[in-house]
Amino acid sequence: MSPEIQIIIQEKAYSIWEAEGRPSDRGLDHWLKAEAGVTNNKIKSNRKPRPKKAAAKAEK
């Protein structure tokens, strides 16, 4: 994992920790939740958009 991605995860985990009232015993949970969110966003951003024809067929 690149240092840049680790910093993004760390910042997201910190935000989650603050939003949940700064509990002292949930660090790993916050890290994993942040990591999953960052990973999912990266996967979504790497996907190519579907062609319009295929998208129209999928809606039917």
N, C-alpha and C. Protein backbone atom coordinates (compact mmCIF):
# COMPACT_ATOMS: atom_id res chain seq x y z
N MET A 1 0.85 -1.17 0.00
CA MET A 1 0.00 0.00 0.00
C MET A 1 0.90 1.24 0.00
N SER A 2 0.55 2.18 -0.84
CA SER A 2 1.38 3.37 -0.97
C SER A 2 1.22 4.28 0.26
N PRO A 3 2.23 5.08 0.54
CA PRO A 3 2.13 6.01 1.67
C PRO A 3 0.97 7.00 1.51
N GLU A 4 0.68 7.38 0.27
CA GLU A 4 -0.42 8.31 0.03
C GLU A 4 -1.76 7.70 0.43
N ILE A 5 -1.95 6.44 0.07
CA ILE A 5 -3.20 5.75 0.43
C ILE A 5 -3.29 5.58 1.94
N GLN A 6 -2.18 5.27 2.60
CA GLN A 6 -2.19 5.15 4.05
C GLN A 6 -2.60 6.45 4.73
N ILE A 7 -2.13 7.57 4.20
CA ILE A 7 -2.50 8.87 4.77
C ILE A 7 -3.99 9.13 4.59
N ILE A 8 -4.52 8.80 3.42
CA ILE A 8 -5.96 8.98 3.17
C ILE A 8 -6.77 8.12 4.13
N ILE A 9 -6.35 6.87 4.32
CA ILE A 9 -7.05 5.97 5.25
C ILE A 9 -6.95 6.51 6.67
N GLN A 10 -5.78 6.96 7.06
CA GLN A 10 -5.59 7.50 8.41
C GLN A 10 -6.51 8.69 8.66
N GLU A 11 -6.60 9.59 7.69
CA GLU A 11 -7.47 10.76 7.85
C GLU A 11 -8.94 10.37 7.92
N LYS A 12 -9.33 9.40 7.10
CA LYS A 12 -10.72 8.92 7.13
C LYS A 12 -11.01 8.22 8.45
N ALA A 13 -10.10 7.40 8.93
CA ALA A 13 -10.28 6.71 10.21
C ALA A 13 -10.41 7.72 11.35
N TYR A 14 -9.62 8.77 11.30
CA TYR A 14 -9.69 9.83 12.31
C TYR A 14 -11.06 10.50 12.29
N SER A 15 -11.57 10.77 11.10
CA SER A 15 -12.90 11.37 10.97
C SER A 15 -13.98 10.46 11.54
N ILE A 16 -13.86 9.17 11.25
CA ILE A 16 -14.83 8.20 11.79
C ILE A 16 -14.75 8.18 13.31
N TRP A 17 -13.53 8.17 13.84
CA TRP A 17 -13.31 8.15 15.29
C TRP A 17 -13.96 9.37 15.93
N GLU A 18 -13.75 10.54 15.35
CA GLU A 18 -14.35 11.77 15.89
C GLU A 18 -15.88 11.70 15.81
N ALA A 19 -16.41 11.24 14.69
CA ALA A 19 -17.86 11.17 14.50
C ALA A 19 -18.52 10.22 15.49
N GLU A 20 -17.79 9.21 15.93
CA GLU A 20 -18.34 8.23 16.88
C GLU A 20 -18.05 8.61 18.33
N GLY A 21 -17.61 9.84 18.56
CA GLY A 21 -17.42 10.30 19.93
C GLY A 21 -16.06 10.00 20.52
N ARG A 22 -15.09 9.71 19.71
CA ARG A 22 -13.71 9.44 20.13
C ARG A 22 -13.57 8.29 21.14
N PRO A 23 -14.17 7.14 20.85
CA PRO A 23 -14.01 6.01 21.77
C PRO A 23 -12.56 5.52 21.78
N SER A 24 -12.12 5.04 22.93
CA SER A 24 -10.71 4.64 23.06
C SER A 24 -10.42 3.21 22.61
N ASP A 25 -11.45 2.44 22.33
CA ASP A 25 -11.23 1.01 22.07
C ASP A 25 -11.66 0.56 20.67
N ARG A 26 -11.80 1.46 19.71
CA ARG A 26 -12.32 1.08 18.40
C ARG A 26 -11.37 1.44 17.26
N GLY A 27 -10.10 1.63 17.56
CA GLY A 27 -9.14 2.06 16.55
C GLY A 27 -9.08 1.14 15.34
N LEU A 28 -9.01 -0.16 15.58
CA LEU A 28 -8.93 -1.11 14.48
C LEU A 28 -10.21 -1.08 13.65
N ASP A 29 -11.36 -1.01 14.31
CA ASP A 29 -12.64 -0.93 13.59
C ASP A 29 -12.68 0.29 12.68
N HIS A 30 -12.23 1.43 13.21
CA HIS A 30 -12.24 2.66 12.42
C HIS A 30 -11.28 2.55 11.24
N TRP A 31 -10.11 1.96 11.47
CA TRP A 31 -9.14 1.81 10.39
C TRP A 31 -9.72 0.92 9.28
N LEU A 32 -10.29 -0.21 9.67
CA LEU A 32 -10.82 -1.15 8.68
C LEU A 32 -12.00 -0.55 7.91
N LYS A 33 -12.84 0.19 8.60
CA LYS A 33 -13.97 0.85 7.93
C LYS A 33 -13.45 1.89 6.93
N ALA A 34 -12.46 2.66 7.33
CA ALA A 34 -11.87 3.66 6.44
C ALA A 34 -11.19 2.99 5.26
N GLU A 35 -10.46 1.94 5.53
CA GLU A 35 -9.74 1.22 4.48
C GLU A 35 -10.72 0.65 3.45
N ALA A 36 -11.81 0.07 3.93
CA ALA A 36 -12.82 -0.47 3.02
C ALA A 36 -13.43 0.63 2.16
N GLY A 37 -13.71 1.77 2.77
CA GLY A 37 -14.28 2.88 2.01
C GLY A 37 -13.33 3.41 0.96
N VAL A 38 -12.08 3.56 1.31
CA VAL A 38 -11.08 4.06 0.36
C VAL A 38 -10.88 3.05 -0.76
N THR A 39 -10.80 1.79 -0.42
CA THR A 39 -10.60 0.75 -1.42
C THR A 39 -11.78 0.69 -2.38
N ASN A 40 -13.01 0.74 -1.84
CA ASN A 40 -14.20 0.71 -2.69
C ASN A 40 -14.25 1.92 -3.61
N ASN A 41 -13.91 3.09 -3.09
CA ASN A 41 -13.91 4.30 -3.93
C ASN A 41 -12.87 4.21 -5.02
N LYS A 42 -11.72 3.63 -4.71
CA LYS A 42 -10.66 3.49 -5.71
C LYS A 42 -11.09 2.52 -6.80
N ILE A 43 -11.74 1.43 -6.42
CA ILE A 43 -12.21 0.45 -7.40
C ILE A 43 -13.26 1.10 -8.30
N LYS A 44 -14.19 1.83 -7.72
CA LYS A 44 -15.24 2.48 -8.51
C LYS A 44 -14.65 3.49 -9.47
N SER A 45 -13.65 4.23 -9.05
CA SER A 45 -13.07 5.26 -9.91
C SER A 45 -12.24 4.65 -11.04
N ASN A 46 -11.80 3.40 -10.88
CA ASN A 46 -11.02 2.74 -11.93
C ASN A 46 -11.89 2.03 -12.96
N ARG A 47 -13.18 1.89 -12.67
CA ARG A 47 -14.08 1.22 -13.60
C ARG A 47 -14.35 2.10 -14.80
N LYS A 48 -14.47 1.46 -15.94
CA LYS A 48 -14.80 2.17 -17.15
C LYS A 48 -16.33 2.28 -17.24
N PRO A 49 -16.84 3.40 -17.71
CA PRO A 49 -18.29 3.52 -17.85
C PRO A 49 -18.79 2.55 -18.93
N ARG A 50 -19.98 2.04 -18.71
CA ARG A 50 -20.56 1.12 -19.68
C ARG A 50 -21.02 1.90 -20.90
N PRO A 51 -20.94 1.27 -22.07
CA PRO A 51 -21.47 1.93 -23.26
C PRO A 51 -22.97 2.19 -23.11
N LYS A 52 -23.46 3.21 -23.78
CA LYS A 52 -24.86 3.59 -23.64
C LYS A 52 -25.80 2.47 -24.04
N LYS A 53 -25.48 1.72 -25.10
CA LYS A 53 -26.34 0.60 -25.51
C LYS A 53 -26.47 -0.43 -24.41
N ALA A 54 -25.38 -0.83 -23.82
CA ALA A 54 -25.40 -1.85 -22.77
C ALA A 54 -26.15 -1.33 -21.56
N ALA A 55 -25.99 -0.06 -21.23
CA ALA A 55 -26.70 0.52 -20.09
C ALA A 55 -28.19 0.53 -20.34
N ALA A 56 -28.61 0.82 -21.55
CA ALA A 56 -30.04 0.85 -21.88
C ALA A 56 -30.63 -0.56 -21.81
N LYS A 57 -29.89 -1.55 -22.28
CA LYS A 57 -30.37 -2.93 -22.21
C LYS A 57 -30.50 -3.40 -20.75
N ALA A 58 -29.56 -2.99 -19.91
CA ALA A 58 -29.57 -3.41 -18.50
C ALA A 58 -30.77 -2.83 -17.77
N GLU A 59 -31.27 -1.69 -18.20
CA GLU A 59 -32.41 -1.06 -17.53
C GLU A 59 -33.72 -1.76 -17.84
N LYS A 60 -33.78 -2.50 -18.96
CA LYS A 60 -35.04 -3.16 -19.38
C LYS A 60 -35.35 -4.37 -18.58
